Amino acid sequence: MSESYVKNVVEAALLAAGRPLPAIEIRELFDEFERPELAAIEAALAQLGAEYEGRGIELKEVASGFRIQVREAVSGPVSRLWQERPAKYSRALLETLALVAYRQPITRGEIEDIRGVQVNPNIIRTLQERDWVRVIGHRDVPGRPELLATTRQFLDYFGLKSLDDLPTLAQLKDVESLGVQLELGQELTLEAAEAQDPDGGTIELEAVPAAADVPASPDAPAG
């Protein structure tokens, strides 16, 4: 089996999957009797990453594996393929998410102590529905409050390989620039919204599409 064939299969799989793929899962795609070594898959990934340098797409490793995505420099024009408005999140939600990310595992009560206000149950519900936050246990204190932590999907969405990729708290100067300060520009663009809500201004999170989501031709659906 040639190296070029392995690389082509790896590239096609990443484009078709619509989600990150770990190297070991990519290897399982090959026929059992002709399956390349894991090192060959990793070499193909490295070669693809090098070939994409200077192009409109890039190979990105996140928590769940590798994916091909639109490069930040061209994300603005490409995002116009989608007509729907980006999701809006309140400052309170982003503060809560940041606290979970940096202080995990953390209870809702501990979040309220730090922020000085009660946490709206809808905020926790939204974070759980987005699959960014989950309950991993209970604090061994009276009432046994739930312990909250971030998920692999949180890392994937924000273009992070692990929690070690989070910037230091000293770098996180303003929660309203959360995406920028977390160096999430590889996948996201944050824009301040005009509308105000009781928790403060809302913030728009706009995900840059993965390359697999980009229509192959002008007549293809935008997705």
N, C-alpha and C. Protein backbone atom coordinates (compact mmCIF):
# COMPACT_ATOMS: atom_id res chain seq x y z
N MET A 1 0.85 -1.19 0.00
CA MET A 1 0.00 0.00 0.00
C MET A 1 0.89 1.24 0.00
N SER A 2 0.68 2.13 -0.95
CA SER A 2 1.55 3.29 -1.10
C SER A 2 1.23 4.36 -0.06
N GLU A 3 2.22 5.21 0.22
CA GLU A 3 2.03 6.31 1.15
C GLU A 3 0.99 7.29 0.63
N SER A 4 0.98 7.52 -0.69
CA SER A 4 0.02 8.46 -1.26
C SER A 4 -1.41 7.96 -1.09
N TYR A 5 -1.61 6.64 -1.21
CA TYR A 5 -2.95 6.09 -1.02
C TYR A 5 -3.40 6.25 0.43
N VAL A 6 -2.50 5.97 1.35
CA VAL A 6 -2.83 6.15 2.77
C VAL A 6 -3.20 7.60 3.05
N LYS A 7 -2.41 8.52 2.52
CA LYS A 7 -2.68 9.95 2.74
C LYS A 7 -4.02 10.35 2.14
N ASN A 8 -4.34 9.83 0.95
CA ASN A 8 -5.61 10.16 0.31
C ASN A 8 -6.79 9.65 1.10
N VAL A 9 -6.68 8.44 1.65
CA VAL A 9 -7.76 7.89 2.47
C VAL A 9 -7.94 8.72 3.74
N VAL A 10 -6.83 9.07 4.36
CA VAL A 10 -6.89 9.89 5.58
C VAL A 10 -7.58 11.22 5.30
N GLU A 11 -7.17 11.87 4.22
CA GLU A 11 -7.75 13.17 3.86
C GLU A 11 -9.24 13.03 3.55
N ALA A 12 -9.61 12.02 2.77
CA ALA A 12 -11.02 11.83 2.42
C ALA A 12 -11.86 11.53 3.65
N ALA A 13 -11.32 10.73 4.56
CA ALA A 13 -12.06 10.39 5.77
C ALA A 13 -12.32 11.63 6.63
N LEU A 14 -11.30 12.48 6.76
CA LEU A 14 -11.47 13.69 7.56
C LEU A 14 -12.49 14.64 6.94
N LEU A 15 -12.51 14.71 5.61
CA LEU A 15 -13.47 15.58 4.93
C LEU A 15 -14.88 15.03 5.03
N ALA A 16 -15.02 13.71 5.01
CA ALA A 16 -16.35 13.11 4.98
C ALA A 16 -16.96 12.94 6.37
N ALA A 17 -16.13 12.83 7.39
CA ALA A 17 -16.62 12.46 8.72
C ALA A 17 -17.53 13.51 9.34
N GLY A 18 -17.21 14.79 9.14
CA GLY A 18 -18.01 15.84 9.78
C GLY A 18 -17.75 15.96 11.27
N ARG A 19 -16.70 15.33 11.76
CA ARG A 19 -16.32 15.37 13.17
C ARG A 19 -14.83 15.02 13.27
N PRO A 20 -14.20 15.35 14.39
CA PRO A 20 -12.79 14.97 14.54
C PRO A 20 -12.63 13.46 14.59
N LEU A 21 -11.53 12.97 14.02
CA LEU A 21 -11.23 11.54 14.03
C LEU A 21 -9.86 11.31 14.66
N PRO A 22 -9.76 10.43 15.64
CA PRO A 22 -8.43 10.08 16.15
C PRO A 22 -7.70 9.19 15.17
N ALA A 23 -6.39 9.19 15.24
CA ALA A 23 -5.59 8.42 14.29
C ALA A 23 -5.92 6.94 14.34
N ILE A 24 -6.19 6.42 15.52
CA ILE A 24 -6.47 4.99 15.64
C ILE A 24 -7.78 4.62 14.96
N GLU A 25 -8.76 5.52 14.98
CA GLU A 25 -10.03 5.26 14.30
C GLU A 25 -9.86 5.32 12.78
N ILE A 26 -9.02 6.26 12.32
CA ILE A 26 -8.74 6.34 10.88
C ILE A 26 -8.09 5.03 10.41
N ARG A 27 -7.19 4.51 11.22
CA ARG A 27 -6.51 3.25 10.85
C ARG A 27 -7.52 2.11 10.69
N GLU A 28 -8.56 2.09 11.51
CA GLU A 28 -9.56 1.02 11.45
C GLU A 28 -10.38 1.06 10.17
N LEU A 29 -10.32 2.15 9.43
CA LEU A 29 -11.08 2.26 8.19
C LEU A 29 -10.50 1.38 7.09
N PHE A 30 -9.23 1.06 7.19
CA PHE A 30 -8.58 0.26 6.16
C PHE A 30 -8.94 -1.21 6.31
N ASP A 31 -8.85 -1.94 5.21
CA ASP A 31 -9.12 -3.37 5.23
C ASP A 31 -8.22 -4.06 6.25
N GLU A 32 -8.80 -5.01 6.95
CA GLU A 32 -8.11 -5.68 8.05
C GLU A 32 -6.78 -6.29 7.62
N PHE A 33 -6.71 -6.78 6.40
CA PHE A 33 -5.51 -7.49 5.95
C PHE A 33 -4.50 -6.56 5.28
N GLU A 34 -4.87 -5.28 5.11
CA GLU A 34 -3.95 -4.32 4.49
C GLU A 34 -3.80 -3.07 5.35
N ARG A 35 -4.14 -3.20 6.60
CA ARG A 35 -4.16 -2.04 7.49
C ARG A 35 -2.75 -1.53 7.74
N PRO A 36 -2.50 -0.25 7.48
CA PRO A 36 -1.16 0.31 7.73
C PRO A 36 -0.89 0.45 9.22
N GLU A 37 0.36 0.59 9.58
CA GLU A 37 0.72 0.84 10.97
C GLU A 37 0.24 2.23 11.40
N LEU A 38 0.04 2.37 12.70
CA LEU A 38 -0.41 3.66 13.21
C LEU A 38 0.58 4.77 12.86
N ALA A 39 1.85 4.43 12.83
CA ALA A 39 2.87 5.42 12.48
C ALA A 39 2.66 5.95 11.07
N ALA A 40 2.15 5.11 10.16
CA ALA A 40 1.90 5.54 8.79
C ALA A 40 0.73 6.53 8.74
N ILE A 41 -0.27 6.30 9.58
CA ILE A 41 -1.40 7.24 9.66
C ILE A 41 -0.92 8.58 10.20
N GLU A 42 -0.12 8.52 11.24
CA GLU A 42 0.39 9.75 11.84
C GLU A 42 1.29 10.51 10.87
N ALA A 43 2.06 9.77 10.07
CA ALA A 43 2.91 10.41 9.06
C ALA A 43 2.05 11.09 8.00
N ALA A 44 0.96 10.43 7.59
CA ALA A 44 0.06 11.02 6.60
C ALA A 44 -0.58 12.29 7.14
N LEU A 45 -0.96 12.28 8.40
CA LEU A 45 -1.54 13.47 9.03
C LEU A 45 -0.53 14.62 9.05
N ALA A 46 0.69 14.30 9.39
CA ALA A 46 1.74 15.33 9.42
C ALA A 46 1.98 15.90 8.03
N GLN A 47 1.95 15.03 7.02
CA GLN A 47 2.16 15.49 5.65
C GLN A 47 1.01 16.38 5.18
N LEU A 48 -0.21 15.99 5.52
CA LEU A 48 -1.36 16.83 5.17
C LEU A 48 -1.27 18.19 5.83
N GLY A 49 -0.89 18.21 7.11
CA GLY A 49 -0.76 19.47 7.82
C GLY A 49 0.25 20.39 7.15
N ALA A 50 1.34 19.82 6.69
CA ALA A 50 2.37 20.61 6.00
C ALA A 50 1.86 21.11 4.65
N GLU A 51 1.13 20.26 3.92
CA GLU A 51 0.63 20.65 2.61
C GLU A 51 -0.41 21.77 2.70
N TYR A 52 -1.13 21.84 3.81
CA TYR A 52 -2.17 22.86 3.96
C TYR A 52 -1.62 24.22 4.39
N GLU A 53 -0.34 24.28 4.72
CA GLU A 53 0.25 25.57 5.11
C GLU A 53 0.08 26.58 3.98
N GLY A 54 -0.39 27.76 4.33
CA GLY A 54 -0.58 28.82 3.35
C GLY A 54 -1.85 28.68 2.53
N ARG A 55 -2.70 27.70 2.85
CA ARG A 55 -3.95 27.51 2.12
C ARG A 55 -5.14 27.96 2.97
N GLY A 56 -6.33 27.86 2.42
CA GLY A 56 -7.52 28.32 3.12
C GLY A 56 -8.05 27.35 4.15
N ILE A 57 -7.51 26.14 4.16
CA ILE A 57 -7.90 25.15 5.16
C ILE A 57 -6.67 24.71 5.93
N GLU A 58 -6.91 24.10 7.09
CA GLU A 58 -5.82 23.64 7.92
C GLU A 58 -6.21 22.35 8.62
N LEU A 59 -5.21 21.58 9.00
CA LEU A 59 -5.44 20.38 9.79
C LEU A 59 -5.27 20.77 11.25
N LYS A 60 -6.30 20.49 12.04
CA LYS A 60 -6.30 20.90 13.45
C LYS A 60 -6.50 19.69 14.33
N GLU A 61 -5.65 19.54 15.36
CA GLU A 61 -5.84 18.48 16.35
C GLU A 61 -6.57 19.05 17.55
N VAL A 62 -7.71 18.47 17.88
CA VAL A 62 -8.49 18.86 19.04
C VAL A 62 -8.63 17.65 19.96
N ALA A 63 -9.44 17.78 21.00
CA ALA A 63 -9.52 16.72 22.01
C ALA A 63 -9.94 15.37 21.45
N SER A 64 -10.86 15.38 20.49
CA SER A 64 -11.40 14.12 19.96
C SER A 64 -10.60 13.56 18.79
N GLY A 65 -9.63 14.29 18.32
CA GLY A 65 -8.84 13.81 17.19
C GLY A 65 -8.46 14.92 16.24
N PHE A 66 -8.41 14.59 14.95
CA PHE A 66 -8.00 15.55 13.92
C PHE A 66 -9.19 15.93 13.05
N ARG A 67 -9.18 17.15 12.55
CA ARG A 67 -10.20 17.59 11.62
C ARG A 67 -9.60 18.59 10.66
N ILE A 68 -10.24 18.71 9.51
CA ILE A 68 -9.88 19.73 8.52
C ILE A 68 -10.88 20.86 8.67
N GLN A 69 -10.38 22.07 8.86
CA GLN A 69 -11.28 23.20 9.09
C GLN A 69 -10.82 24.42 8.30
N VAL A 70 -11.72 25.36 8.19
CA VAL A 70 -11.43 26.62 7.49
C VAL A 70 -10.45 27.44 8.32
N ARG A 71 -9.45 27.97 7.67
CA ARG A 71 -8.46 28.79 8.38
C ARG A 71 -9.07 30.12 8.78
N GLU A 72 -8.68 30.61 9.94
CA GLU A 72 -9.26 31.83 10.50
C GLU A 72 -9.18 33.01 9.53
N ALA A 73 -8.10 33.12 8.78
CA ALA A 73 -7.90 34.27 7.90
C ALA A 73 -8.97 34.39 6.83
N VAL A 74 -9.62 33.27 6.47
CA VAL A 74 -10.64 33.32 5.42
C VAL A 74 -12.02 32.96 5.96
N SER A 75 -12.16 32.88 7.28
CA SER A 75 -13.42 32.44 7.86
C SER A 75 -14.56 33.44 7.63
N GLY A 76 -14.22 34.74 7.55
CA GLY A 76 -15.26 35.75 7.34
C GLY A 76 -16.04 35.55 6.06
N PRO A 77 -15.37 35.54 4.90
CA PRO A 77 -16.10 35.32 3.65
C PRO A 77 -16.81 33.96 3.61
N VAL A 78 -16.16 32.91 4.10
CA VAL A 78 -16.77 31.58 4.04
C VAL A 78 -18.03 31.51 4.89
N SER A 79 -18.03 32.20 6.03
CA SER A 79 -19.19 32.14 6.92
C SER A 79 -20.45 32.72 6.28
N ARG A 80 -20.29 33.50 5.21
CA ARG A 80 -21.47 34.07 4.55
C ARG A 80 -22.28 33.03 3.77
N LEU A 81 -21.75 31.82 3.67
CA LEU A 81 -22.52 30.73 3.07
C LEU A 81 -23.72 30.37 3.93
N TRP A 82 -23.64 30.70 5.20
CA TRP A 82 -24.72 30.37 6.13
C TRP A 82 -25.47 31.64 6.49
N GLN A 83 -26.78 31.60 6.34
CA GLN A 83 -27.59 32.80 6.53
C GLN A 83 -28.06 32.98 7.97
N GLU A 84 -28.09 31.90 8.76
CA GLU A 84 -28.62 32.02 10.11
C GLU A 84 -27.69 32.86 10.98
N ARG A 85 -28.29 33.52 11.96
CA ARG A 85 -27.53 34.35 12.88
C ARG A 85 -26.73 33.47 13.83
N PRO A 86 -25.54 33.91 14.24
CA PRO A 86 -24.79 33.14 15.23
C PRO A 86 -25.50 33.14 16.58
N ALA A 87 -25.24 32.13 17.38
CA ALA A 87 -25.86 32.05 18.69
C ALA A 87 -25.37 33.19 19.58
N LYS A 88 -26.27 33.68 20.44
CA LYS A 88 -25.92 34.76 21.35
C LYS A 88 -25.89 34.21 22.77
N TYR A 89 -24.86 34.56 23.51
CA TYR A 89 -24.72 34.11 24.88
C TYR A 89 -24.48 35.31 25.78
N SER A 90 -25.10 35.29 26.95
CA SER A 90 -24.96 36.41 27.88
C SER A 90 -23.60 36.40 28.55
N ARG A 91 -23.23 37.54 29.07
CA ARG A 91 -21.98 37.64 29.84
C ARG A 91 -22.01 36.67 31.00
N ALA A 92 -23.18 36.53 31.64
CA ALA A 92 -23.30 35.62 32.79
C ALA A 92 -22.99 34.19 32.38
N LEU A 93 -23.47 33.78 31.20
CA LEU A 93 -23.20 32.42 30.74
C LEU A 93 -21.72 32.22 30.49
N LEU A 94 -21.08 33.19 29.85
CA LEU A 94 -19.66 33.06 29.55
C LEU A 94 -18.81 33.08 30.82
N GLU A 95 -19.22 33.89 31.81
CA GLU A 95 -18.50 33.89 33.09
C GLU A 95 -18.63 32.53 33.76
N THR A 96 -19.84 31.98 33.72
CA THR A 96 -20.07 30.66 34.33
C THR A 96 -19.23 29.60 33.63
N LEU A 97 -19.22 29.63 32.31
CA LEU A 97 -18.44 28.66 31.54
C LEU A 97 -16.95 28.79 31.86
N ALA A 98 -16.47 30.03 31.96
CA ALA A 98 -15.05 30.24 32.26
C ALA A 98 -14.71 29.71 33.65
N LEU A 99 -15.59 29.91 34.61
CA LEU A 99 -15.35 29.41 35.97
C LEU A 99 -15.31 27.89 35.99
N VAL A 100 -16.21 27.25 35.26
CA VAL A 100 -16.19 25.79 35.20
C VAL A 100 -14.88 25.32 34.56
N ALA A 101 -14.48 25.99 33.48
CA ALA A 101 -13.27 25.57 32.77
C ALA A 101 -12.03 25.70 33.65
N TYR A 102 -11.94 26.79 34.42
CA TYR A 102 -10.72 27.05 35.18
C TYR A 102 -10.73 26.47 36.59
N ARG A 103 -11.91 26.30 37.17
CA ARG A 103 -11.98 25.85 38.56
C ARG A 103 -12.53 24.42 38.70
N GLN A 104 -12.72 23.73 37.63
CA GLN A 104 -13.36 22.42 37.70
C GLN A 104 -12.54 21.42 38.50
N PRO A 105 -13.25 20.50 39.20
CA PRO A 105 -14.71 20.44 39.33
C PRO A 105 -15.21 21.50 40.30
N ILE A 106 -16.37 22.07 40.00
CA ILE A 106 -16.90 23.17 40.78
C ILE A 106 -18.41 23.00 40.93
N THR A 107 -18.94 23.46 42.05
CA THR A 107 -20.38 23.37 42.27
C THR A 107 -21.06 24.67 41.88
N ARG A 108 -22.34 24.60 41.69
CA ARG A 108 -23.10 25.81 41.38
C ARG A 108 -22.98 26.84 42.50
N GLY A 109 -22.98 26.37 43.75
CA GLY A 109 -22.84 27.28 44.88
C GLY A 109 -21.51 27.99 44.87
N GLU A 110 -20.45 27.29 44.50
CA GLU A 110 -19.12 27.91 44.43
C GLU A 110 -19.06 28.95 43.32
N ILE A 111 -19.75 28.67 42.22
CA ILE A 111 -19.83 29.67 41.14
C ILE A 111 -20.54 30.91 41.64
N GLU A 112 -21.62 30.73 42.38
CA GLU A 112 -22.38 31.87 42.90
C GLU A 112 -21.55 32.66 43.91
N ASP A 113 -20.75 31.97 44.73
CA ASP A 113 -19.90 32.68 45.70
C ASP A 113 -18.88 33.55 44.98
N ILE A 114 -18.32 33.05 43.88
CA ILE A 114 -17.30 33.81 43.14
C ILE A 114 -17.93 34.98 42.41
N ARG A 115 -19.07 34.74 41.74
CA ARG A 115 -19.71 35.80 40.95
C ARG A 115 -20.50 36.77 41.82
N GLY A 116 -20.91 36.34 43.00
CA GLY A 116 -21.66 37.22 43.89
C GLY A 116 -23.13 37.31 43.57
N VAL A 117 -23.61 36.50 42.64
CA VAL A 117 -25.03 36.49 42.27
C VAL A 117 -25.45 35.05 42.04
N GLN A 118 -26.76 34.81 42.09
CA GLN A 118 -27.27 33.48 41.84
C GLN A 118 -27.09 33.10 40.37
N VAL A 119 -26.85 31.85 40.11
CA VAL A 119 -26.74 31.35 38.75
C VAL A 119 -28.12 30.96 38.26
N ASN A 120 -28.53 31.56 37.17
CA ASN A 120 -29.81 31.21 36.57
C ASN A 120 -29.78 29.74 36.14
N PRO A 121 -30.76 28.93 36.57
CA PRO A 121 -30.76 27.51 36.16
C PRO A 121 -30.71 27.33 34.65
N ASN A 122 -31.23 28.29 33.90
CA ASN A 122 -31.21 28.18 32.44
C ASN A 122 -29.78 28.21 31.89
N ILE A 123 -28.87 28.87 32.63
CA ILE A 123 -27.49 28.93 32.17
C ILE A 123 -26.85 27.55 32.22
N ILE A 124 -27.00 26.87 33.36
CA ILE A 124 -26.46 25.53 33.48
C ILE A 124 -27.12 24.60 32.48
N ARG A 125 -28.43 24.75 32.31
CA ARG A 125 -29.16 23.89 31.36
C ARG A 125 -28.63 24.11 29.94
N THR A 126 -28.41 25.37 29.57
CA THR A 126 -27.89 25.66 28.23
C THR A 126 -26.52 25.06 28.02
N LEU A 127 -25.65 25.19 29.01
CA LEU A 127 -24.31 24.63 28.90
C LEU A 127 -24.35 23.10 28.79
N GLN A 128 -25.28 22.49 29.49
CA GLN A 128 -25.41 21.03 29.40
C GLN A 128 -26.03 20.61 28.07
N GLU A 129 -26.99 21.39 27.59
CA GLU A 129 -27.59 21.07 26.29
C GLU A 129 -26.59 21.22 25.16
N ARG A 130 -25.69 22.18 25.29
CA ARG A 130 -24.62 22.34 24.30
C ARG A 130 -23.56 21.26 24.44
N ASP A 131 -23.66 20.48 25.51
CA ASP A 131 -22.68 19.43 25.82
C ASP A 131 -21.30 20.02 26.06
N TRP A 132 -21.27 21.20 26.66
CA TRP A 132 -20.02 21.83 27.05
C TRP A 132 -19.69 21.53 28.51
N VAL A 133 -20.73 21.28 29.32
CA VAL A 133 -20.56 21.06 30.76
C VAL A 133 -21.37 19.82 31.14
N ARG A 134 -20.83 19.03 32.07
CA ARG A 134 -21.55 17.86 32.56
C ARG A 134 -21.31 17.68 34.05
N VAL A 135 -22.17 16.89 34.68
CA VAL A 135 -22.02 16.55 36.10
C VAL A 135 -21.11 15.33 36.20
N ILE A 136 -20.05 15.43 36.99
CA ILE A 136 -19.10 14.32 37.11
C ILE A 136 -19.12 13.69 38.50
N GLY A 137 -19.95 14.20 39.40
CA GLY A 137 -20.01 13.64 40.75
C GLY A 137 -20.70 14.61 41.69
N HIS A 138 -20.49 14.40 42.97
CA HIS A 138 -21.11 15.25 43.98
C HIS A 138 -20.08 15.57 45.06
N ARG A 139 -20.11 16.81 45.55
CA ARG A 139 -19.23 17.24 46.63
C ARG A 139 -19.67 16.54 47.92
N ASP A 140 -18.73 16.02 48.67
CA ASP A 140 -19.04 15.28 49.89
C ASP A 140 -19.27 16.25 51.05
N VAL A 141 -20.33 17.03 50.94
CA VAL A 141 -20.75 17.98 51.97
C VAL A 141 -22.26 17.87 52.08
N PRO A 142 -22.86 18.44 53.14
CA PRO A 142 -24.32 18.38 53.26
C PRO A 142 -25.02 18.87 52.00
N GLY A 143 -26.00 18.11 51.56
CA GLY A 143 -26.71 18.45 50.33
C GLY A 143 -26.10 17.81 49.10
N ARG A 144 -24.85 17.36 49.19
CA ARG A 144 -24.14 16.70 48.10
C ARG A 144 -24.38 17.42 46.76
N PRO A 145 -23.93 18.68 46.66
CA PRO A 145 -24.13 19.43 45.40
C PRO A 145 -23.39 18.81 44.24
N GLU A 146 -23.92 18.99 43.05
CA GLU A 146 -23.32 18.43 41.85
C GLU A 146 -22.00 19.12 41.53
N LEU A 147 -21.05 18.33 41.06
CA LEU A 147 -19.78 18.86 40.60
C LEU A 147 -19.82 18.99 39.09
N LEU A 148 -19.49 20.17 38.59
CA LEU A 148 -19.55 20.46 37.16
C LEU A 148 -18.14 20.50 36.57
N ALA A 149 -18.02 19.99 35.35
CA ALA A 149 -16.75 20.03 34.63
C ALA A 149 -17.04 20.16 33.15
N THR A 150 -16.04 20.59 32.39
CA THR A 150 -16.20 20.71 30.95
C THR A 150 -16.07 19.35 30.29
N THR A 151 -16.48 19.27 29.04
CA THR A 151 -16.50 18.02 28.28
C THR A 151 -15.49 18.05 27.14
N ARG A 152 -15.32 16.89 26.52
CA ARG A 152 -14.50 16.81 25.32
C ARG A 152 -15.09 17.67 24.21
N GLN A 153 -16.43 17.74 24.15
CA GLN A 153 -17.09 18.55 23.14
C GLN A 153 -16.77 20.04 23.32
N PHE A 154 -16.63 20.47 24.57
CA PHE A 154 -16.22 21.85 24.85
C PHE A 154 -14.85 22.12 24.22
N LEU A 155 -13.92 21.20 24.43
CA LEU A 155 -12.58 21.37 23.87
C LEU A 155 -12.63 21.38 22.35
N ASP A 156 -13.40 20.45 21.77
CA ASP A 156 -13.51 20.38 20.31
C ASP A 156 -14.08 21.67 19.75
N TYR A 157 -15.15 22.17 20.35
CA TYR A 157 -15.84 23.35 19.81
C TYR A 157 -14.92 24.56 19.82
N PHE A 158 -14.14 24.69 20.88
CA PHE A 158 -13.27 25.85 20.99
C PHE A 158 -11.87 25.61 20.45
N GLY A 159 -11.69 24.49 19.73
CA GLY A 159 -10.42 24.26 19.06
C GLY A 159 -9.26 23.97 19.99
N LEU A 160 -9.54 23.32 21.13
CA LEU A 160 -8.50 23.03 22.11
C LEU A 160 -8.22 21.53 22.14
N LYS A 161 -6.95 21.18 22.27
CA LYS A 161 -6.58 19.78 22.37
C LYS A 161 -6.78 19.26 23.79
N SER A 162 -6.49 20.08 24.78
CA SER A 162 -6.67 19.71 26.18
C SER A 162 -6.84 20.97 27.00
N LEU A 163 -7.16 20.82 28.28
CA LEU A 163 -7.29 21.97 29.17
C LEU A 163 -5.97 22.70 29.34
N ASP A 164 -4.87 22.02 29.06
CA ASP A 164 -3.56 22.68 29.15
C ASP A 164 -3.43 23.79 28.11
N ASP A 165 -4.27 23.75 27.07
CA ASP A 165 -4.22 24.79 26.04
C ASP A 165 -4.92 26.07 26.46
N LEU A 166 -5.66 26.03 27.57
CA LEU A 166 -6.28 27.26 28.06
C LEU A 166 -5.20 28.25 28.47
N PRO A 167 -5.41 29.53 28.20
CA PRO A 167 -4.43 30.53 28.65
C PRO A 167 -4.49 30.66 30.17
N THR A 168 -3.48 31.29 30.74
CA THR A 168 -3.49 31.54 32.18
C THR A 168 -4.56 32.56 32.51
N LEU A 169 -4.99 32.58 33.75
CA LEU A 169 -6.00 33.56 34.16
C LEU A 169 -5.48 34.98 33.99
N ALA A 170 -4.17 35.16 34.10
CA ALA A 170 -3.60 36.49 33.90
C ALA A 170 -3.82 36.97 32.47
N GLN A 171 -3.87 36.02 31.52
CA GLN A 171 -4.09 36.39 30.13
C GLN A 171 -5.56 36.66 29.84
N LEU A 172 -6.43 36.10 30.67
CA LEU A 172 -7.87 36.26 30.46
C LEU A 172 -8.30 37.57 31.11
N LYS A 173 -8.14 38.66 30.38
CA LYS A 173 -8.34 39.99 30.95
C LYS A 173 -9.81 40.39 31.03
N ASP A 174 -10.62 39.91 30.11
CA ASP A 174 -12.00 40.36 30.02
C ASP A 174 -12.85 39.23 29.49
N VAL A 175 -13.86 38.82 30.26
CA VAL A 175 -14.71 37.72 29.82
C VAL A 175 -15.41 38.03 28.50
N GLU A 176 -15.61 39.31 28.20
CA GLU A 176 -16.29 39.66 26.96
C GLU A 176 -15.42 39.41 25.74
N SER A 177 -14.13 39.19 25.97
CA SER A 177 -13.26 38.80 24.86
C SER A 177 -12.80 37.36 25.07
N LEU A 178 -13.71 36.57 25.63
CA LEU A 178 -13.39 35.20 26.02
C LEU A 178 -12.76 34.42 24.88
N GLY A 179 -13.39 34.46 23.71
CA GLY A 179 -12.88 33.66 22.60
C GLY A 179 -11.49 34.08 22.19
N VAL A 180 -11.25 35.39 22.14
CA VAL A 180 -9.93 35.89 21.74
C VAL A 180 -8.90 35.55 22.80
N GLN A 181 -9.24 35.81 24.07
CA GLN A 181 -8.28 35.58 25.14
C GLN A 181 -7.97 34.10 25.32
N LEU A 182 -8.92 33.24 25.02
CA LEU A 182 -8.68 31.81 25.10
C LEU A 182 -7.98 31.29 23.85
N GLU A 183 -7.62 32.22 22.96
CA GLU A 183 -6.96 31.86 21.71
C GLU A 183 -7.80 30.87 20.92
N LEU A 184 -9.12 31.19 20.85
CA LEU A 184 -10.03 30.30 20.15
C LEU A 184 -10.22 30.74 18.71
N GLY A 185 -9.44 31.70 18.25
CA GLY A 185 -9.63 32.22 16.92
C GLY A 185 -9.43 31.19 15.83
N GLN A 186 -8.80 30.06 16.15
CA GLN A 186 -8.63 29.02 15.14
C GLN A 186 -9.97 28.53 14.64
N GLU A 187 -11.01 28.67 15.49
CA GLU A 187 -12.29 28.12 15.07
C GLU A 187 -13.44 29.09 15.24
N LEU A 188 -13.29 30.09 16.10
CA LEU A 188 -14.43 30.94 16.44
C LEU A 188 -14.10 32.41 16.25
N THR A 189 -15.15 33.18 16.06
CA THR A 189 -15.06 34.62 16.06
C THR A 189 -16.06 35.13 17.08
N LEU A 190 -15.63 36.04 17.96
CA LEU A 190 -16.54 36.61 18.94
C LEU A 190 -16.83 38.06 18.55
N GLU A 191 -18.10 38.43 18.59
CA GLU A 191 -18.50 39.80 18.31
C GLU A 191 -19.44 40.26 19.39
N ALA A 192 -19.25 41.48 19.88
CA ALA A 192 -20.18 42.01 20.87
C ALA A 192 -21.51 42.30 20.21
N ALA A 193 -22.58 41.91 20.86
CA ALA A 193 -23.93 42.14 20.32
C ALA A 193 -24.43 43.49 20.80
N GLU A 194 -25.34 44.06 20.05
CA GLU A 194 -25.88 45.36 20.40
C GLU A 194 -26.89 45.26 21.54
N ALA A 195 -27.69 44.18 21.56
CA ALA A 195 -28.76 44.06 22.54
C ALA A 195 -28.19 43.90 23.94
N GLN A 196 -28.96 44.31 24.94
CA GLN A 196 -28.61 44.16 26.33
C GLN A 196 -29.63 43.25 27.00
N ASP A 197 -29.19 42.51 28.04
CA ASP A 197 -30.12 41.70 28.80
C ASP A 197 -29.87 41.96 30.27
N PRO A 198 -30.68 41.42 31.18
CA PRO A 198 -30.51 41.71 32.61
C PRO A 198 -29.15 41.31 33.16
N ASP A 199 -28.45 40.40 32.51
CA ASP A 199 -27.14 39.98 32.99
C ASP A 199 -26.02 40.80 32.39
N GLY A 200 -26.34 41.78 31.55
CA GLY A 200 -25.33 42.52 30.83
C GLY A 200 -25.46 42.24 29.36
N GLY A 201 -24.48 42.70 28.55
CA GLY A 201 -24.56 42.53 27.10
C GLY A 201 -24.51 41.08 26.70
N THR A 202 -25.06 40.80 25.57
CA THR A 202 -24.94 39.46 25.01
C THR A 202 -23.76 39.42 24.07
N ILE A 203 -23.26 38.23 23.83
CA ILE A 203 -22.09 38.03 22.98
C ILE A 203 -22.43 36.98 21.95
N GLU A 204 -22.04 37.22 20.72
CA GLU A 204 -22.32 36.28 19.65
C GLU A 204 -21.11 35.37 19.45
N LEU A 205 -21.36 34.07 19.47
CA LEU A 205 -20.32 33.10 19.13
C LEU A 205 -20.63 32.56 17.77
N GLU A 206 -19.73 32.72 16.85
CA GLU A 206 -19.93 32.26 15.48
C GLU A 206 -18.86 31.26 15.13
N ALA A 207 -19.26 30.02 14.95
CA ALA A 207 -18.29 28.97 14.64
C ALA A 207 -17.93 29.01 13.17
N VAL A 208 -16.65 28.96 12.90
CA VAL A 208 -16.19 28.85 11.52
C VAL A 208 -16.38 27.41 11.08
N PRO A 209 -16.93 27.16 9.89
CA PRO A 209 -17.25 25.79 9.49
C PRO A 209 -16.04 24.93 9.26
N ALA A 210 -16.21 23.65 9.53
CA ALA A 210 -15.19 22.69 9.13
C ALA A 210 -15.21 22.57 7.62
N ALA A 211 -14.09 22.19 7.05
CA ALA A 211 -13.99 22.12 5.59
C ALA A 211 -15.01 21.15 5.01
N ALA A 212 -15.36 20.13 5.77
CA ALA A 212 -16.32 19.15 5.27
C ALA A 212 -17.70 19.75 5.09
N ASP A 213 -17.96 20.88 5.77
CA ASP A 213 -19.26 21.52 5.65
C ASP A 213 -19.34 22.49 4.49
N VAL A 214 -18.22 22.81 3.87
CA VAL A 214 -18.22 23.77 2.78
C VAL A 214 -18.74 23.11 1.52
N PRO A 215 -19.74 23.73 0.86
CA PRO A 215 -20.29 23.11 -0.36
C PRO A 215 -19.21 22.88 -1.41
N ALA A 216 -19.33 21.78 -2.11
CA ALA A 216 -18.34 21.45 -3.14
C ALA A 216 -18.52 22.27 -4.40
N SER A 217 -19.70 22.81 -4.61
CA SER A 217 -19.96 23.62 -5.80
C SER A 217 -20.99 24.66 -5.46
N PRO A 218 -21.14 25.72 -6.30
CA PRO A 218 -22.14 26.75 -6.02
C PRO A 218 -23.55 26.20 -5.93
N ASP A 219 -23.82 25.05 -6.53
CA ASP A 219 -25.16 24.50 -6.51
C ASP A 219 -25.41 23.59 -5.30
N ALA A 220 -24.35 23.31 -4.54
CA ALA A 220 -24.51 22.42 -3.40
C ALA A 220 -25.18 23.16 -2.26
N PRO A 221 -25.91 22.47 -1.36
CA PRO A 221 -26.56 23.13 -0.24
C PRO A 221 -25.54 23.66 0.74
N ALA A 222 -25.88 24.77 1.38
CA ALA A 222 -24.94 25.40 2.29
C ALA A 222 -24.81 24.64 3.58
N GLY A 223 -25.74 23.76 3.93
CA GLY A 223 -25.64 22.98 5.15
C GLY A 223 -26.19 23.71 6.33
